[in-house]
Amino acid sequence: MTPSLSPEVALRAQARAAFLHNHYHVLPEQVTALDGDASFRRYFRVTHQGNSFILLDVAPEVGDVTAFVELNTIFSQGKVRVPKIIAADCALGFVLLEDLGAEHLADRLTATSEVQGYYESLIDMLPDIARLPASPHMKPYDAAFIEMELDIFSEWLLTNWLSFEPQKAWYQHWTDLKQALIKNMLAQTQVTMHRDFHSRNLMWHDQQWVVIDYQDAVQGPVTYDVVSLLKDCYYRLPEGQLAHLQRYSFDVLRETGLLPPHSHFEEYQKQLALTGLQRHLKAAGIFARLYLRDGKPGYLHNILPTLQYILDTAKCVDAFQWLATSLQSEIIPLVQAKLEQQK
């Protein structure tokens, strides 16, 4: 017996059908829900007359597709390949897109002999993204926003999930850490950044890379997309490749004028490390939030690899030894125990 839909879900299904009917003038033969997005966005594969498309569905009460549509134009005009929009209704929250298939960078990383070439070609793409003009649809990536992202870690992972209650001195160290990371990020060249440039948001289609999930692009530090790619929460590069690609990214950014002409690689490495620390603290908190708030436990297993990135960086900075100690003696064991309970 098929379970009945809630009134809200049934109304959304009707709106979806009406949008598709208005576009095709008939209902398409098949509409299949797709899984895997870590947000309020829903995706469907639409099959009609032998062709396949992707429908993005964002109910207006939970989100807005306007930035997705507007930034699609900006990325396309800047020669960054993004999905082609077939039709859109921003008021209703629907966008019909070309179907790019299902092959992401993450799916191609088993062919290890080609991995370095993949990453080099993606680093070569970053100057095109960096030079994209600012848009009113980009949120301000300022000190307050960076701190808000960091607080996702303390609120959702430490307090809400782990019930971790550190000593008073821990909070003072945490405040100092946040200020150091904010200072590092704001001191860098500010460029357009994708903000989630990693192996699950880069698709291989018609022999080229296509960038997806670009709707949260902002103007921010020049190293952010580099570290998102090279220190991916979903895939860890071997140390030798990571070292090579860090140097390669430095050369690309410097040669394209995105770094000061007299930049030193050692300073660039420090900026990368601290920017990565901010991103990974935020990401670890988001993985816990996806479970607690959104009922998505599938990201919990990404927390430990992300905490390992944090630990690796903290151990290398004298001022952050307290964090390395806290991770090793308290936080990581608590996470391991929580994950054991999930089995």
Protein backbone atom coordinates (compact mmCIF):
# COMPACT_ATOMS: atom_id res chain seq x y z
CA MET A 1 0.00 0.00 0.00
CA THR A 2 1.49 3.38 -1.02
CA PRO A 3 1.77 5.79 1.94
CA SER A 4 -0.21 9.02 1.55
CA LEU A 5 1.70 12.26 1.04
CA SER A 6 1.51 15.12 3.52
CA PRO A 7 -0.51 18.12 2.28
CA GLU A 8 2.71 20.17 1.86
CA VAL A 9 4.47 17.46 -0.16
CA ALA A 10 1.36 16.87 -2.30
CA LEU A 11 1.02 20.61 -3.05
CA ARG A 12 4.69 20.82 -4.01
CA ALA A 13 4.32 17.82 -6.31
CA GLN A 14 1.36 19.54 -7.98
CA ALA A 15 3.36 22.75 -8.44
CA ARG A 16 6.24 20.75 -9.92
CA ALA A 17 3.91 19.02 -12.37
CA ALA A 18 2.34 22.35 -13.37
CA PHE A 19 5.76 23.90 -14.06
CA LEU A 20 6.80 20.96 -16.23
CA HIS A 21 3.46 20.94 -18.04
CA ASN A 22 3.79 24.66 -18.80
CA HIS A 23 7.23 24.05 -20.31
CA TYR A 24 6.53 20.87 -22.27
CA HIS A 25 2.78 21.45 -22.81
CA VAL A 26 2.34 17.87 -21.65
CA LEU A 27 3.55 15.98 -18.61
CA PRO A 28 6.97 14.33 -19.19
CA GLU A 29 7.10 10.55 -19.22
CA GLN A 30 9.17 10.21 -16.05
CA VAL A 31 10.26 12.37 -13.10
CA THR A 32 12.69 10.62 -10.71
CA ALA A 33 13.97 12.08 -7.42
CA LEU A 34 17.75 12.20 -7.03
CA ASP A 35 19.62 11.91 -3.75
CA GLY A 36 22.84 13.35 -2.42
CA ASP A 37 22.51 17.09 -1.89
CA ALA A 38 23.47 18.49 1.51
CA SER A 39 20.94 21.30 1.48
CA PHE A 40 17.26 22.19 1.21
CA ARG A 41 17.52 21.89 -2.58
CA ARG A 42 15.90 18.88 -4.26
CA TYR A 43 16.78 17.51 -7.67
CA PHE A 44 14.78 15.38 -10.12
CA ARG A 45 15.74 13.75 -13.41
CA VAL A 46 13.08 14.49 -16.02
CA THR A 47 12.80 12.23 -19.07
CA HIS A 48 10.77 13.40 -22.06
CA GLN A 49 10.77 12.24 -25.68
CA GLY A 50 14.12 10.52 -25.36
CA ASN A 51 15.83 13.50 -23.71
CA SER A 52 16.86 13.93 -20.10
CA PHE A 53 16.99 17.08 -17.96
CA ILE A 54 17.49 17.97 -14.30
CA LEU A 55 14.87 19.87 -12.32
CA LEU A 56 16.03 21.93 -9.35
CA ASP A 57 13.23 22.36 -6.81
CA VAL A 58 13.49 24.85 -3.94
CA ALA A 59 10.22 25.58 -2.15
CA PRO A 60 9.98 29.38 -1.69
CA GLU A 61 9.38 29.05 2.06
CA VAL A 62 12.81 27.40 2.54
CA GLY A 63 14.98 29.07 -0.09
CA ASP A 64 15.35 31.15 -3.23
CA VAL A 65 16.72 30.12 -6.64
CA THR A 66 17.31 33.70 -7.82
CA ALA A 67 21.03 33.63 -6.93
CA PHE A 68 21.38 30.28 -8.74
CA VAL A 69 19.89 31.77 -11.92
CA GLU A 70 21.67 35.13 -11.77
CA LEU A 71 25.09 33.69 -10.94
CA ASN A 72 24.66 31.15 -13.73
CA THR A 73 24.74 34.08 -16.16
CA ILE A 74 27.80 35.64 -14.49
CA PHE A 75 29.76 32.37 -14.52
CA SER A 76 28.79 31.66 -18.14
CA GLN A 77 29.80 35.12 -19.31
CA GLY A 78 33.12 34.63 -17.54
CA LYS A 79 33.76 31.48 -19.58
CA VAL A 80 33.31 29.15 -16.62
CA ARG A 81 31.30 26.12 -17.70
CA VAL A 82 28.17 25.73 -15.59
CA PRO A 83 24.91 23.82 -16.30
CA LYS A 84 22.79 25.40 -19.02
CA ILE A 85 19.41 26.66 -17.82
CA ILE A 86 16.50 25.53 -20.01
CA ALA A 87 13.69 27.25 -18.10
CA ALA A 88 13.21 28.89 -14.72
CA ASP A 89 10.49 30.28 -12.46
CA CYS A 90 12.19 32.02 -9.52
CA ALA A 91 8.88 32.88 -7.83
CA LEU A 92 7.87 29.21 -7.69
CA GLY A 93 11.41 27.94 -7.07
CA PHE A 94 11.97 25.76 -10.14
CA VAL A 95 14.92 25.62 -12.55
CA LEU A 96 15.12 23.16 -15.45
CA LEU A 97 18.74 22.34 -16.36
CA GLU A 98 20.69 20.30 -18.85
CA ASP A 99 21.49 16.79 -17.60
CA LEU A 100 25.25 16.49 -17.04
CA GLY A 101 25.10 12.79 -16.20
CA ALA A 102 26.49 11.49 -12.93
CA GLU A 103 30.29 11.55 -13.18
CA HIS A 104 31.98 13.85 -10.67
CA LEU A 105 35.66 14.40 -10.02
CA ALA A 106 35.15 12.11 -7.00
CA ASP A 107 34.19 9.29 -9.39
CA ARG A 108 37.34 9.70 -11.51
CA LEU A 109 39.86 9.62 -8.69
CA THR A 110 40.25 5.85 -8.94
CA ALA A 111 42.29 6.40 -12.13
CA THR A 112 45.28 7.44 -10.05
CA SER A 113 47.65 7.98 -12.99
CA GLU A 114 45.49 10.89 -14.17
CA VAL A 115 44.66 12.51 -10.84
CA GLN A 116 47.44 15.10 -10.95
CA GLY A 117 46.39 16.22 -14.42
CA TYR A 118 42.79 16.58 -13.30
CA TYR A 119 43.79 18.80 -10.41
CA GLU A 120 46.12 20.92 -12.50
CA SER A 121 43.36 21.56 -15.04
CA LEU A 122 40.99 22.57 -12.25
CA ILE A 123 43.55 24.90 -10.69
CA ASP A 124 43.95 26.45 -14.15
CA MET A 125 40.21 27.26 -14.00
CA LEU A 126 40.44 29.20 -10.74
CA PRO A 127 41.69 32.52 -12.21
CA ASP A 128 38.59 32.62 -14.45
CA ILE A 129 36.38 32.24 -11.37
CA ALA A 130 38.44 34.72 -9.35
CA ARG A 131 38.00 37.43 -12.00
CA LEU A 132 34.21 37.15 -12.14
CA PRO A 133 32.55 40.43 -11.16
CA ALA A 134 30.87 40.86 -7.81
CA SER A 135 27.09 40.46 -7.76
CA PRO A 136 24.35 41.78 -5.45
CA HIS A 137 23.46 38.10 -5.00
CA MET A 138 26.79 37.42 -3.29
CA LYS A 139 26.59 37.68 0.50
CA PRO A 140 29.23 39.86 2.19
CA TYR A 141 32.10 37.59 3.27
CA ASP A 142 33.24 39.81 6.11
CA ALA A 143 34.57 39.26 9.63
CA ALA A 144 31.09 38.69 11.06
CA PHE A 145 30.26 36.08 8.43
CA ILE A 146 33.58 34.25 8.86
CA GLU A 147 33.06 34.15 12.63
CA MET A 148 29.50 32.88 12.17
CA GLU A 149 30.86 30.01 10.07
CA LEU A 150 33.41 29.14 12.77
CA ASP A 151 30.73 29.14 15.44
CA ILE A 152 28.96 26.34 13.56
CA PHE A 153 31.78 24.10 14.82
CA SER A 154 31.47 25.09 18.47
CA GLU A 155 27.67 25.15 18.46
CA TRP A 156 26.71 22.13 16.39
CA LEU A 157 29.61 19.71 16.73
CA LEU A 158 30.94 20.45 20.21
CA THR A 159 27.85 21.56 22.13
CA ASN A 160 24.85 20.07 20.34
CA TRP A 161 26.31 16.74 19.19
CA LEU A 162 29.17 15.93 21.56
CA SER A 163 27.88 17.77 24.68
CA PHE A 164 31.48 18.89 25.06
CA GLU A 165 32.00 21.30 27.98
CA PRO A 166 35.53 22.75 27.86
CA GLN A 167 37.22 24.79 30.54
CA LYS A 168 37.06 28.61 30.57
CA ALA A 169 40.60 28.85 29.16
CA TRP A 170 39.49 26.84 26.12
CA TYR A 171 36.98 29.54 25.17
CA GLN A 172 39.63 32.27 25.43
CA HIS A 173 41.90 30.27 23.12
CA TRP A 174 38.94 29.75 20.79
CA THR A 175 38.25 33.49 20.65
CA ASP A 176 41.91 34.19 19.84
CA LEU A 177 41.90 31.47 17.17
CA LYS A 178 38.84 32.95 15.48
CA GLN A 179 40.42 36.38 15.35
CA ALA A 180 43.66 34.98 13.88
CA LEU A 181 41.77 33.13 11.15
CA ILE A 182 39.61 36.14 10.33
CA LYS A 183 42.71 38.35 10.08
CA ASN A 184 44.40 35.87 7.73
CA MET A 185 41.40 35.63 5.41
CA LEU A 186 40.71 39.35 5.20
CA ALA A 187 44.40 40.17 4.58
CA GLN A 188 44.50 38.14 1.36
CA THR A 189 43.64 39.35 -2.12
CA GLN A 190 39.83 39.34 -2.26
CA VAL A 191 38.41 37.65 -5.38
CA THR A 192 35.27 35.84 -6.46
CA MET A 193 35.36 32.35 -4.99
CA HIS A 194 33.04 29.41 -5.60
CA ARG A 195 33.20 28.60 -1.86
CA ASP A 196 32.60 24.85 -2.29
CA PHE A 197 35.08 23.92 -5.02
CA HIS A 198 35.58 20.21 -4.29
CA SER A 199 35.33 16.77 -5.84
CA ARG A 200 31.55 16.44 -5.55
CA ASN A 201 30.82 19.82 -7.16
CA LEU A 202 32.93 19.31 -10.28
CA MET A 203 31.41 17.18 -13.03
CA TRP A 204 32.98 15.63 -16.12
CA HIS A 205 30.74 16.10 -19.15
CA ASP A 206 31.56 16.14 -22.88
CA GLN A 207 35.29 15.99 -22.13
CA GLN A 208 35.33 19.07 -19.92
CA TRP A 209 34.85 20.08 -16.30
CA VAL A 210 31.53 21.65 -15.36
CA VAL A 211 31.11 23.57 -12.09
CA ILE A 212 27.91 23.00 -10.12
CA ASP A 213 26.52 24.36 -6.82
CA TYR A 214 27.97 27.80 -7.51
CA GLN A 215 25.01 29.69 -5.98
CA ASP A 216 26.87 30.47 -2.74
CA ALA A 217 29.76 32.24 -4.49
CA VAL A 218 31.15 35.29 -2.67
CA GLN A 219 34.07 37.67 -2.78
CA GLY A 220 36.69 36.32 -0.39
CA PRO A 221 40.31 35.17 0.08
CA VAL A 222 42.20 34.05 -3.00
CA THR A 223 43.36 30.79 -1.39
CA TYR A 224 39.90 29.58 -0.38
CA ASP A 225 38.96 27.66 -3.54
CA VAL A 226 42.49 26.25 -3.75
CA VAL A 227 42.30 24.74 -0.27
CA SER A 228 38.72 23.54 -0.88
CA LEU A 229 40.04 21.54 -3.82
CA LEU A 230 43.36 20.32 -2.44
CA LYS A 231 42.21 19.55 1.13
CA ASP A 232 38.85 18.08 0.20
CA CYS A 233 36.70 16.73 3.03
CA TYR A 234 35.73 13.81 0.76
CA TYR A 235 39.12 12.88 -0.69
CA ARG A 236 42.65 13.16 0.70
CA LEU A 237 45.46 13.68 -1.77
CA PRO A 238 48.73 11.82 -1.17
CA GLU A 239 51.30 14.11 0.47
CA GLY A 240 53.54 14.20 -2.59
CA GLN A 241 50.74 15.26 -4.91
CA LEU A 242 49.47 17.77 -2.38
CA ALA A 243 52.90 19.40 -2.13
CA HIS A 244 53.23 19.57 -5.92
CA LEU A 245 49.74 21.02 -6.41
CA GLN A 246 50.21 23.63 -3.71
CA ARG A 247 53.27 24.86 -5.57
CA TYR A 248 51.43 24.62 -8.90
CA SER A 249 48.54 26.69 -7.55
CA PHE A 250 50.96 29.33 -6.25
CA ASP A 251 52.60 29.62 -9.67
CA VAL A 252 49.22 29.85 -11.47
CA LEU A 253 47.83 32.52 -9.15
CA ARG A 254 51.03 34.56 -9.23
CA GLU A 255 51.44 34.37 -13.00
CA THR A 256 47.83 35.51 -13.52
CA GLY A 257 48.29 38.50 -11.23
CA LEU A 258 46.09 37.23 -8.40
CA LEU A 259 48.93 37.31 -5.88
CA PRO A 260 51.21 40.26 -5.19
CA PRO A 261 54.20 40.13 -7.59
CA HIS A 262 56.77 39.60 -4.82
CA SER A 263 54.80 36.91 -2.99
CA HIS A 264 56.76 34.16 -1.28
CA PHE A 265 55.64 30.55 -1.43
CA GLU A 266 56.19 30.07 2.33
CA GLU A 267 53.75 32.88 3.14
CA TYR A 268 51.29 31.46 0.62
CA GLN A 269 51.51 28.05 2.33
CA LYS A 270 50.72 29.67 5.66
CA GLN A 271 47.70 31.44 4.17
CA LEU A 272 46.51 28.15 2.65
CA ALA A 273 46.89 26.33 5.96
CA LEU A 274 45.00 28.91 8.01
CA THR A 275 42.27 29.31 5.39
CA GLY A 276 41.88 25.54 5.34
CA LEU A 277 41.65 25.50 9.12
CA GLN A 278 38.70 27.91 9.01
CA ARG A 279 36.98 25.93 6.24
CA HIS A 280 37.45 22.57 7.96
CA LEU A 281 36.19 23.82 11.33
CA LYS A 282 33.07 25.09 9.57
CA ALA A 283 32.66 21.87 7.56
CA ALA A 284 32.96 19.60 10.61
CA GLY A 285 30.22 21.63 12.29
CA ILE A 286 28.03 21.48 9.19
CA PHE A 287 28.31 17.69 9.02
CA ALA A 288 26.98 17.51 12.61
CA ARG A 289 24.26 20.06 11.80
CA LEU A 290 23.14 18.05 8.77
CA TYR A 291 22.56 15.11 11.09
CA LEU A 292 20.97 16.93 14.03
CA ARG A 293 18.89 19.57 12.27
CA ASP A 294 18.25 18.10 8.83
CA GLY A 295 18.09 14.38 9.57
CA LYS A 296 20.97 13.52 7.23
CA PRO A 297 23.34 11.06 8.96
CA GLY A 298 25.24 10.23 5.77
CA TYR A 299 27.81 12.97 6.38
CA LEU A 300 28.82 11.88 9.89
CA HIS A 301 31.62 9.65 8.55
CA ASN A 302 33.23 12.72 6.96
CA ILE A 303 33.80 14.34 10.36
CA LEU A 304 36.90 12.37 11.38
CA PRO A 305 38.82 12.99 8.11
CA THR A 306 37.93 16.67 8.41
CA LEU A 307 39.12 16.80 12.03
CA GLN A 308 42.39 15.19 10.88
CA TYR A 309 43.02 18.16 8.57
CA ILE A 310 42.38 20.47 11.54
CA LEU A 311 44.75 18.48 13.75
CA ASP A 312 47.48 18.44 11.10
CA THR A 313 47.40 22.23 10.86
CA ALA A 314 47.04 22.90 14.59
CA LYS A 315 50.11 20.76 15.36
CA CYS A 316 52.21 22.96 13.07
CA VAL A 317 51.29 26.31 14.67
CA ASP A 318 52.68 27.09 18.14
CA ALA A 319 49.67 29.25 19.06
CA PHE A 320 47.27 26.40 18.23
CA GLN A 321 48.87 23.59 20.25
CA TRP A 322 45.96 23.80 22.68
CA LEU A 323 43.60 22.85 19.83
CA ALA A 324 45.79 19.93 18.78
CA THR A 325 45.81 18.67 22.36
CA SER A 326 42.05 19.12 22.74
CA LEU A 327 41.38 17.29 19.49
CA GLN A 328 43.64 14.36 20.35
CA SER A 329 42.64 13.90 23.98
CA GLU A 330 38.99 14.94 24.01
CA ILE A 331 37.18 15.83 20.78
CA ILE A 332 38.28 13.01 18.44
CA PRO A 333 37.67 10.27 21.07
CA LEU A 334 34.19 11.71 21.68
CA VAL A 335 33.47 11.67 17.95
CA GLN A 336 34.72 8.09 17.64
CA ALA A 337 32.45 7.03 20.49
CA LYS A 338 29.46 8.78 18.90
CA LEU A 339 30.10 7.11 15.57
CA GLU A 340 30.31 3.73 17.27
CA GLN A 341 26.86 4.36 18.75
CA GLN A 342 25.52 5.07 15.25
CA LYS A 343 26.42 1.61 13.97
